[in-house]
Amino acid sequence: MPSSVLSMLTAGGALALVLALICVAQRGARWAGVARRPGASTRLLALDETLALDTRRRLVLVRCGERQCLLLTGGTQDVLLGWLP
């Protein structure tokens, strides 16, 4: 076999080994809890729903931890309507 083909095979094998090690390290980090998966539900503050009342005002349902609050936005000032159980 020519040396150029042998060096290409060696480089390809080394690249495959490095990519495999990266995948193993990523799975190990997820298993250990170091790396979080994208889209994991660990956020404390989230926007659950919005409802347009007219062209200016909206009702917004915001989740903060285990609780939800209802906001009225878009008028002269925003108003916290209340906390939901």
PDB file of N, CA and C in Angstrom:
ATOM      1  N   MET A   1       0.834  -1.162   0.000  1.00  0.00           N
ATOM      2  CA  MET A   1       0.000   0.000   0.000  1.00  0.00           C
ATOM      3  C   MET A   1       0.889   1.239   0.000  1.00  0.00           C
ATOM      4  N   PRO A   2       0.531   2.248  -0.800  1.00  0.00           N
ATOM      5  CA  PRO A   2       1.325   3.479  -0.790  1.00  0.00           C
ATOM      6  C   PRO A   2       1.199   4.186   0.561  1.00  0.00           C
ATOM      7  N   SER A   3       2.233   4.945   0.879  1.00  0.00           N
ATOM      8  CA  SER A   3       2.266   5.609   2.185  1.00  0.00           C
ATOM      9  C   SER A   3       1.188   6.685   2.307  1.00  0.00           C
ATOM     10  N   SER A   4       0.769   7.303   1.195  1.00  0.00           N
ATOM     11  CA  SER A   4      -0.274   8.334   1.273  1.00  0.00           C
ATOM     12  C   SER A   4      -1.619   7.720   1.670  1.00  0.00           C
ATOM     13  N   VAL A   5      -1.914   6.538   1.178  1.00  0.00           N
ATOM     14  CA  VAL A   5      -3.163   5.863   1.540  1.00  0.00           C
ATOM     15  C   VAL A   5      -3.111   5.439   3.003  1.00  0.00           C
ATOM     16  N   LEU A   6      -1.953   4.949   3.426  1.00  0.00           N
ATOM     17  CA  LEU A   6      -1.792   4.531   4.812  1.00  0.00           C
ATOM     18  C   LEU A   6      -1.936   5.720   5.769  1.00  0.00           C
ATOM     19  N   SER A   7      -1.379   6.863   5.403  1.00  0.00           N
ATOM     20  CA  SER A   7      -1.506   8.044   6.264  1.00  0.00           C
ATOM     21  C   SER A   7      -2.951   8.557   6.284  1.00  0.00           C
ATOM     22  N   MET A   8      -3.664   8.447   5.174  1.00  0.00           N
ATOM     23  CA  MET A   8      -5.079   8.836   5.141  1.00  0.00           C
ATOM     24  C   MET A   8      -5.910   7.926   6.038  1.00  0.00           C
ATOM     25  N   LEU A   9      -5.644   6.632   6.009  1.00  0.00           N
ATOM     26  CA  LEU A   9      -6.357   5.692   6.873  1.00  0.00           C
ATOM     27  C   LEU A   9      -6.044   5.962   8.344  1.00  0.00           C
ATOM     28  N   THR A  10      -4.806   6.275   8.651  1.00  0.00           N
ATOM     29  CA  THR A  10      -4.421   6.591  10.027  1.00  0.00           C
ATOM     30  C   THR A  10      -5.127   7.863  10.503  1.00  0.00           C
ATOM     31  N   ALA A  11      -5.162   8.883   9.661  1.00  0.00           N
ATOM     32  CA  ALA A  11      -5.833  10.137  10.019  1.00  0.00           C
ATOM     33  C   ALA A  11      -7.334   9.919  10.197  1.00  0.00           C
ATOM     34  N   GLY A  12      -7.941   9.141   9.322  1.00  0.00           N
ATOM     35  CA  GLY A  12      -9.375   8.844   9.436  1.00  0.00           C
ATOM     36  C   GLY A  12      -9.688   8.060  10.703  1.00  0.00           C
ATOM     37  N   GLY A  13      -8.842   7.100  11.034  1.00  0.00           N
ATOM     38  CA  GLY A  13      -9.030   6.330  12.263  1.00  0.00           C
ATOM     39  C   GLY A  13      -8.872   7.192  13.499  1.00  0.00           C
ATOM     40  N   ALA A  14      -7.889   8.093  13.478  1.00  0.00           N
ATOM     41  CA  ALA A  14      -7.688   8.994  14.613  1.00  0.00           C
ATOM     42  C   ALA A  14      -8.882   9.936  14.777  1.00  0.00           C
ATOM     43  N   LEU A  15      -9.415  10.430  13.670  1.00  0.00           N
ATOM     44  CA  LEU A  15     -10.586  11.302  13.727  1.00  0.00           C
ATOM     45  C   LEU A  15     -11.795  10.555  14.289  1.00  0.00           C
ATOM     46  N   ALA A  16     -12.002   9.325  13.845  1.00  0.00           N
ATOM     47  CA  ALA A  16     -13.114   8.518  14.355  1.00  0.00           C
ATOM     48  C   ALA A  16     -12.956   8.259  15.852  1.00  0.00           C
ATOM     49  N   LEU A  17     -11.737   8.013  16.300  1.00  0.00           N
ATOM     50  CA  LEU A  17     -11.485   7.775  17.717  1.00  0.00           C
ATOM     51  C   LEU A  17     -11.768   9.027  18.552  1.00  0.00           C
ATOM     52  N   VAL A  18     -11.345  10.183  18.074  1.00  0.00           N
ATOM     53  CA  VAL A  18     -11.590  11.437  18.792  1.00  0.00           C
ATOM     54  C   VAL A  18     -13.089  11.730  18.868  1.00  0.00           C
ATOM     55  N   LEU A  19     -13.820  11.528  17.777  1.00  0.00           N
ATOM     56  CA  LEU A  19     -15.266  11.753  17.790  1.00  0.00           C
ATOM     57  C   LEU A  19     -15.970  10.791  18.741  1.00  0.00           C
ATOM     58  N   ALA A  20     -15.524   9.549  18.782  1.00  0.00           N
ATOM     59  CA  ALA A  20     -16.105   8.573  19.706  1.00  0.00           C
ATOM     60  C   ALA A  20     -15.836   8.975  21.153  1.00  0.00           C
ATOM     61  N   LEU A  21     -14.641   9.464  21.444  1.00  0.00           N
ATOM     62  CA  LEU A  21     -14.323   9.908  22.802  1.00  0.00           C
ATOM     63  C   LEU A  21     -15.160  11.120  23.217  1.00  0.00           C
ATOM     64  N   ILE A  22     -15.422  12.021  22.283  1.00  0.00           N
ATOM     65  CA  ILE A  22     -16.269  13.181  22.576  1.00  0.00           C
ATOM     66  C   ILE A  22     -17.692  12.730  22.908  1.00  0.00           C
ATOM     67  N   CYS A  23     -18.223  11.785  22.139  1.00  0.00           N
ATOM     68  CA  CYS A  23     -19.576  11.273  22.408  1.00  0.00           C
ATOM     69  C   CYS A  23     -19.648  10.581  23.761  1.00  0.00           C
ATOM     70  N   VAL A  24     -18.639   9.796  24.097  1.00  0.00           N
ATOM     71  CA  VAL A  24     -18.610   9.107  25.391  1.00  0.00           C
ATOM     72  C   VAL A  24     -18.521  10.120  26.534  1.00  0.00           C
ATOM     73  N   ALA A  25     -17.711  11.155  26.372  1.00  0.00           N
ATOM     74  CA  ALA A  25     -17.584  12.181  27.410  1.00  0.00           C
ATOM     75  C   ALA A  25     -18.893  12.947  27.590  1.00  0.00           C
ATOM     76  N   GLN A  26     -19.596  13.223  26.501  1.00  0.00           N
ATOM     77  CA  GLN A  26     -20.871  13.930  26.579  1.00  0.00           C
ATOM     78  C   GLN A  26     -21.910  13.091  27.314  1.00  0.00           C
ATOM     79  N   ARG A  27     -22.004  11.818  26.990  1.00  0.00           N
ATOM     80  CA  ARG A  27     -22.961  10.941  27.681  1.00  0.00           C
ATOM     81  C   ARG A  27     -22.604  10.783  29.150  1.00  0.00           C
ATOM     82  N   GLY A  28     -21.317  10.709  29.442  1.00  0.00           N
ATOM     83  CA  GLY A  28     -20.891  10.610  30.836  1.00  0.00           C
ATOM     84  C   GLY A  28     -21.233  11.860  31.622  1.00  0.00           C
ATOM     85  N   ALA A  29     -21.077  13.024  31.002  1.00  0.00           N
ATOM     86  CA  ALA A  29     -21.411  14.282  31.676  1.00  0.00           C
ATOM     87  C   ALA A  29     -22.913  14.384  31.924  1.00  0.00           C
ATOM     88  N   ARG A  30     -23.727  13.947  30.979  1.00  0.00           N
ATOM     89  CA  ARG A  30     -25.179  13.954  31.182  1.00  0.00           C
ATOM     90  C   ARG A  30     -25.572  12.976  32.275  1.00  0.00           C
ATOM     91  N   TRP A  31     -24.951  11.816  32.294  1.00  0.00           N
ATOM     92  CA  TRP A  31     -25.269  10.808  33.303  1.00  0.00           C
ATOM     93  C   TRP A  31     -24.893  11.313  34.695  1.00  0.00           C
ATOM     94  N   ALA A  32     -23.772  12.016  34.796  1.00  0.00           N
ATOM     95  CA  ALA A  32     -23.318  12.535  36.087  1.00  0.00           C
ATOM     96  C   ALA A  32     -24.073  13.800  36.496  1.00  0.00           C
ATOM     97  N   GLY A  33     -24.850  14.381  35.592  1.00  0.00           N
ATOM     98  CA  GLY A  33     -25.609  15.581  35.917  1.00  0.00           C
ATOM     99  C   GLY A  33     -24.843  16.863  35.696  1.00  0.00           C
ATOM    100  N   VAL A  34     -23.692  16.794  35.080  1.00  0.00           N
ATOM    101  CA  VAL A  34     -22.888  17.994  34.834  1.00  0.00           C
ATOM    102  C   VAL A  34     -23.477  18.803  33.686  1.00  0.00           C
ATOM    103  N   ALA A  35     -23.862  18.139  32.617  1.00  0.00           N
ATOM    104  CA  ALA A  35     -24.406  18.821  31.443  1.00  0.00           C
ATOM    105  C   ALA A  35     -25.908  18.572  31.379  1.00  0.00           C
ATOM    106  N   ARG A  36     -26.680  19.635  31.204  1.00  0.00           N
ATOM    107  CA  ARG A  36     -28.125  19.499  31.075  1.00  0.00           C
ATOM    108  C   ARG A  36     -28.486  19.378  29.614  1.00  0.00           C
ATOM    109  N   ARG A  37     -29.532  18.644  29.371  1.00  0.00           N
ATOM    110  CA  ARG A  37     -30.014  18.503  28.002  1.00  0.00           C
ATOM    111  C   ARG A  37     -30.745  19.767  27.588  1.00  0.00           C
ATOM    112  N   PRO A  38     -30.630  20.141  26.300  1.00  0.00           N
ATOM    113  CA  PRO A  38     -31.365  21.310  25.826  1.00  0.00           C
ATOM    114  C   PRO A  38     -32.866  21.076  25.952  1.00  0.00           C
ATOM    115  N   GLY A  39     -33.573  22.082  26.432  1.00  0.00           N
ATOM    116  CA  GLY A  39     -35.002  21.957  26.589  1.00  0.00           C
ATOM    117  C   GLY A  39     -35.434  21.292  27.866  1.00  0.00           C
ATOM    118  N   ALA A  40     -34.518  20.994  28.739  1.00  0.00           N
ATOM    119  CA  ALA A  40     -34.878  20.390  30.013  1.00  0.00           C
ATOM    120  C   ALA A  40     -35.663  21.386  30.836  1.00  0.00           C
ATOM    121  N   SER A  41     -36.633  20.880  31.545  1.00  0.00           N
ATOM    122  CA  SER A  41     -37.544  21.743  32.292  1.00  0.00           C
ATOM    123  C   SER A  41     -36.959  22.108  33.648  1.00  0.00           C
ATOM    124  N   THR A  42     -35.883  22.857  33.661  1.00  0.00           N
ATOM    125  CA  THR A  42     -35.271  23.274  34.916  1.00  0.00           C
ATOM    126  C   THR A  42     -35.378  24.779  35.114  1.00  0.00           C
ATOM    127  N   ARG A  43     -36.096  25.452  34.257  1.00  0.00           N
ATOM    128  CA  ARG A  43     -36.227  26.897  34.384  1.00  0.00           C
ATOM    129  C   ARG A  43     -37.195  27.242  35.502  1.00  0.00           C
ATOM    130  N   LEU A  44     -36.881  28.297  36.203  1.00  0.00           N
ATOM    131  CA  LEU A  44     -37.719  28.733  37.307  1.00  0.00           C
ATOM    132  C   LEU A  44     -38.827  29.665  36.827  1.00  0.00           C
ATOM    133  N   LEU A  45     -38.558  30.455  35.804  1.00  0.00           N
ATOM    134  CA  LEU A  45     -39.514  31.435  35.298  1.00  0.00           C
ATOM    135  C   LEU A  45     -39.833  31.100  33.848  1.00  0.00           C
ATOM    136  N   ALA A  46     -41.148  30.999  33.520  1.00  0.00           N
ATOM    137  CA  ALA A  46     -41.539  30.648  32.152  1.00  0.00           C
ATOM    138  C   ALA A  46     -42.849  31.338  31.799  1.00  0.00           C
ATOM    139  N   LEU A  47     -43.014  31.640  30.530  1.00  0.00           N
ATOM    140  CA  LEU A  47     -44.243  32.217  30.003  1.00  0.00           C
ATOM    141  C   LEU A  47     -45.116  31.066  29.518  1.00  0.00           C
ATOM    142  N   ASP A  48     -46.251  30.838  30.188  1.00  0.00           N
ATOM    143  CA  ASP A  48     -47.100  29.705  29.833  1.00  0.00           C
ATOM    144  C   ASP A  48     -48.043  30.033  28.685  1.00  0.00           C
ATOM    145  N   GLU A  49     -48.807  31.129  28.792  1.00  0.00           N
ATOM    146  CA  GLU A  49     -49.774  31.475  27.748  1.00  0.00           C
ATOM    147  C   GLU A  49     -49.971  32.982  27.679  1.00  0.00           C
ATOM    148  N   THR A  50     -50.429  33.440  26.505  1.00  0.00           N
ATOM    149  CA  THR A  50     -50.843  34.835  26.347  1.00  0.00           C
ATOM    150  C   THR A  50     -52.177  34.854  25.620  1.00  0.00           C
ATOM    151  N   LEU A  51     -52.985  35.860  25.921  1.00  0.00           N
ATOM    152  CA  LEU A  51     -54.283  36.017  25.280  1.00  0.00           C
ATOM    153  C   LEU A  51     -54.475  37.493  24.967  1.00  0.00           C
ATOM    154  N   ALA A  52     -54.659  37.818  23.680  1.00  0.00           N
ATOM    155  CA  ALA A  52     -54.874  39.208  23.274  1.00  0.00           C
ATOM    156  C   ALA A  52     -56.323  39.594  23.562  1.00  0.00           C
ATOM    157  N   LEU A  53     -56.507  40.641  24.371  1.00  0.00           N
ATOM    158  CA  LEU A  53     -57.851  41.128  24.677  1.00  0.00           C
ATOM    159  C   LEU A  53     -58.322  42.128  23.630  1.00  0.00           C
ATOM    160  N   ASP A  54     -57.434  43.002  23.213  1.00  0.00           N
ATOM    161  CA  ASP A  54     -57.694  43.942  22.126  1.00  0.00           C
ATOM    162  C   ASP A  54     -56.350  44.264  21.485  1.00  0.00           C
ATOM    163  N   THR A  55     -56.268  45.360  20.727  1.00  0.00           N
ATOM    164  CA  THR A  55     -55.023  45.659  20.009  1.00  0.00           C
ATOM    165  C   THR A  55     -53.889  46.061  20.938  1.00  0.00           C
ATOM    166  N   ARG A  56     -54.203  46.512  22.158  1.00  0.00           N
ATOM    167  CA  ARG A  56     -53.151  46.970  23.070  1.00  0.00           C
ATOM    168  C   ARG A  56     -52.928  46.058  24.261  1.00  0.00           C
ATOM    169  N   ARG A  57     -53.983  45.473  24.795  1.00  0.00           N
ATOM    170  CA  ARG A  57     -53.881  44.759  26.068  1.00  0.00           C
ATOM    171  C   ARG A  57     -53.826  43.245  25.876  1.00  0.00           C
ATOM    172  N   ARG A  58     -53.075  42.601  26.786  1.00  0.00           N
ATOM    173  CA  ARG A  58     -52.935  41.145  26.779  1.00  0.00           C
ATOM    174  C   ARG A  58     -53.005  40.612  28.202  1.00  0.00           C
ATOM    175  N   LEU A  59     -53.554  39.419  28.321  1.00  0.00           N
ATOM    176  CA  LEU A  59     -53.454  38.660  29.558  1.00  0.00           C
ATOM    177  C   LEU A  59     -52.289  37.700  29.396  1.00  0.00           C
ATOM    178  N   VAL A  60     -51.423  37.662  30.387  1.00  0.00           N
ATOM    179  CA  VAL A  60     -50.225  36.825  30.317  1.00  0.00           C
ATOM    180  C   VAL A  60     -50.199  35.927  31.546  1.00  0.00           C
ATOM    181  N   LEU A  61     -50.039  34.630  31.314  1.00  0.00           N
ATOM    182  CA  LEU A  61     -49.922  33.660  32.400  1.00  0.00           C
ATOM    183  C   LEU A  61     -48.452  33.286  32.534  1.00  0.00           C
ATOM    184  N   VAL A  62     -47.863  33.629  33.685  1.00  0.00           N
ATOM    185  CA  VAL A  62     -46.437  33.414  33.927  1.00  0.00           C
ATOM    186  C   VAL A  62     -46.284  32.393  35.042  1.00  0.00           C
ATOM    187  N   ARG A  63     -45.392  31.426  34.841  1.00  0.00           N
ATOM    188  CA  ARG A  63     -45.110  30.426  35.869  1.00  0.00           C
ATOM    189  C   ARG A  63     -43.799  30.780  36.550  1.00  0.00           C
ATOM    190  N   CYS A  64     -43.826  30.806  37.868  1.00  0.00           N
ATOM    191  CA  CYS A  64     -42.635  31.071  38.670  1.00  0.00           C
ATOM    192  C   CYS A  64     -42.503  29.927  39.666  1.00  0.00           C
ATOM    193  N   GLY A  65     -41.647  28.981  39.357  1.00  0.00           N
ATOM    194  CA  GLY A  65     -41.516  27.789  40.192  1.00  0.00           C
ATOM    195  C   GLY A  65     -42.759  26.936  40.058  1.00  0.00           C
ATOM    196  N   GLU A  66     -43.442  26.699  41.165  1.00  0.00           N
ATOM    197  CA  GLU A  66     -44.660  25.897  41.170  1.00  0.00           C
ATOM    198  C   GLU A  66     -45.921  26.753  41.078  1.00  0.00           C
ATOM    199  N   ARG A  67     -45.791  28.063  41.175  1.00  0.00           N
ATOM    200  CA  ARG A  67     -46.949  28.955  41.172  1.00  0.00           C
ATOM    201  C   ARG A  67     -47.093  29.653  39.828  1.00  0.00           C
ATOM    202  N   GLN A  68     -48.316  30.145  39.565  1.00  0.00           N
ATOM    203  CA  GLN A  68     -48.593  30.890  38.351  1.00  0.00           C
ATOM    204  C   GLN A  68     -49.224  32.220  38.726  1.00  0.00           C
ATOM    205  N   CYS A  69     -48.908  33.251  37.945  1.00  0.00           N
ATOM    206  CA  CYS A  69     -49.560  34.543  38.165  1.00  0.00           C
ATOM    207  C   CYS A  69     -50.126  35.049  36.845  1.00  0.00           C
ATOM    208  N   LEU A  70     -51.182  35.843  36.965  1.00  0.00           N
ATOM    209  CA  LEU A  70     -51.871  36.395  35.808  1.00  0.00           C
ATOM    210  C   LEU A  70     -51.581  37.890  35.739  1.00  0.00           C
ATOM    211  N   LEU A  71     -51.047  38.342  34.603  1.00  0.00           N
ATOM    212  CA  LEU A  71     -50.690  39.748  34.402  1.00  0.00           C
ATOM    213  C   LEU A  71     -51.550  40.342  33.298  1.00  0.00           C
ATOM    214  N   LEU A  72     -51.926  41.603  33.459  1.00  0.00           N
ATOM    215  CA  LEU A  72     -52.588  42.371  32.413  1.00  0.00           C
ATOM    216  C   LEU A  72     -51.578  43.399  31.928  1.00  0.00           C
ATOM    217  N   THR A  73     -51.185  43.316  30.661  1.00  0.00           N
ATOM    218  CA  THR A  73     -50.153  44.203  30.121  1.00  0.00           C
ATOM    219  C   THR A  73     -50.708  45.020  28.966  1.00  0.00           C
ATOM    220  N   GLY A  74     -50.023  46.123  28.665  1.00  0.00           N
ATOM    221  CA  GLY A  74     -50.325  46.905  27.478  1.00  0.00           C
ATOM    222  C   GLY A  74     -51.122  48.165  27.712  1.00  0.00           C
ATOM    223  N   GLY A  75     -51.652  48.385  28.886  1.00  0.00           N
ATOM    224  CA  GLY A  75     -52.386  49.619  29.168  1.00  0.00           C
ATOM    225  C   GLY A  75     -51.411  50.713  29.561  1.00  0.00           C
ATOM    226  N   THR A  76     -51.885  51.662  30.357  1.00  0.00           N
ATOM    227  CA  THR A  76     -50.991  52.720  30.822  1.00  0.00           C
ATOM    228  C   THR A  76     -49.950  52.172  31.784  1.00  0.00           C
ATOM    229  N   GLN A  77     -50.311  51.103  32.499  1.00  0.00           N
ATOM    230  CA  GLN A  77     -49.330  50.404  33.323  1.00  0.00           C
ATOM    231  C   GLN A  77     -49.744  48.937  33.425  1.00  0.00           C
ATOM    232  N   ASP A  78     -48.785  48.071  33.671  1.00  0.00           N
ATOM    233  CA  ASP A  78     -49.059  46.644  33.785  1.00  0.00           C
ATOM    234  C   ASP A  78     -49.578  46.340  35.185  1.00  0.00           C
ATOM    235  N   VAL A  79     -50.477  45.348  35.266  1.00  0.00           N
ATOM    236  CA  VAL A  79     -51.136  45.043  36.531  1.00  0.00           C
ATOM    237  C   VAL A  79     -51.008  43.552  36.816  1.00  0.00           C
ATOM    238  N   LEU A  80     -50.630  43.229  38.056  1.00  0.00           N
ATOM    239  CA  LEU A  80     -50.646  41.848  38.522  1.00  0.00           C
ATOM    240  C   LEU A  80     -52.054  41.568  39.023  1.00  0.00           C
ATOM    241  N   LEU A  81     -52.790  40.712  38.298  1.00  0.00           N
ATOM    242  CA  LEU A  81     -54.174  40.433  38.666  1.00  0.00           C
ATOM    243  C   LEU A  81     -54.271  39.461  39.827  1.00  0.00           C
ATOM    244  N   GLY A  82     -53.293  38.573  39.948  1.00  0.00           N
ATOM    245  CA  GLY A  82     -53.321  37.660  41.085  1.00  0.00           C
ATOM    246  C   GLY A  82     -52.499  36.415  40.838  1.00  0.00           C
ATOM    247  N   TRP A  83     -52.295  35.689  41.942  1.00  0.00           N
ATOM    248  CA  TRP A  83     -51.569  34.423  41.899  1.00  0.00           C
ATOM    249  C   TRP A  83     -52.570  33.286  41.838  1.00  0.00           C
ATOM    250  N   LEU A  84     -52.303  32.306  40.994  1.00  0.00           N
ATOM    251  CA  LEU A  84     -53.169  31.137  40.881  1.00  0.00           C
ATOM    252  C   LEU A  84     -52.586  29.999  41.706  1.00  0.00           C
ATOM    253  N   PRO A  85     -53.456  29.156  42.257  1.00  0.00           N
ATOM    254  CA  PRO A  85     -52.935  28.034  43.068  1.00  0.00           C
ATOM    255  C   PRO A  85     -52.214  27.002  42.230  1.00  0.00           C
TER     256      PRO A  85
END
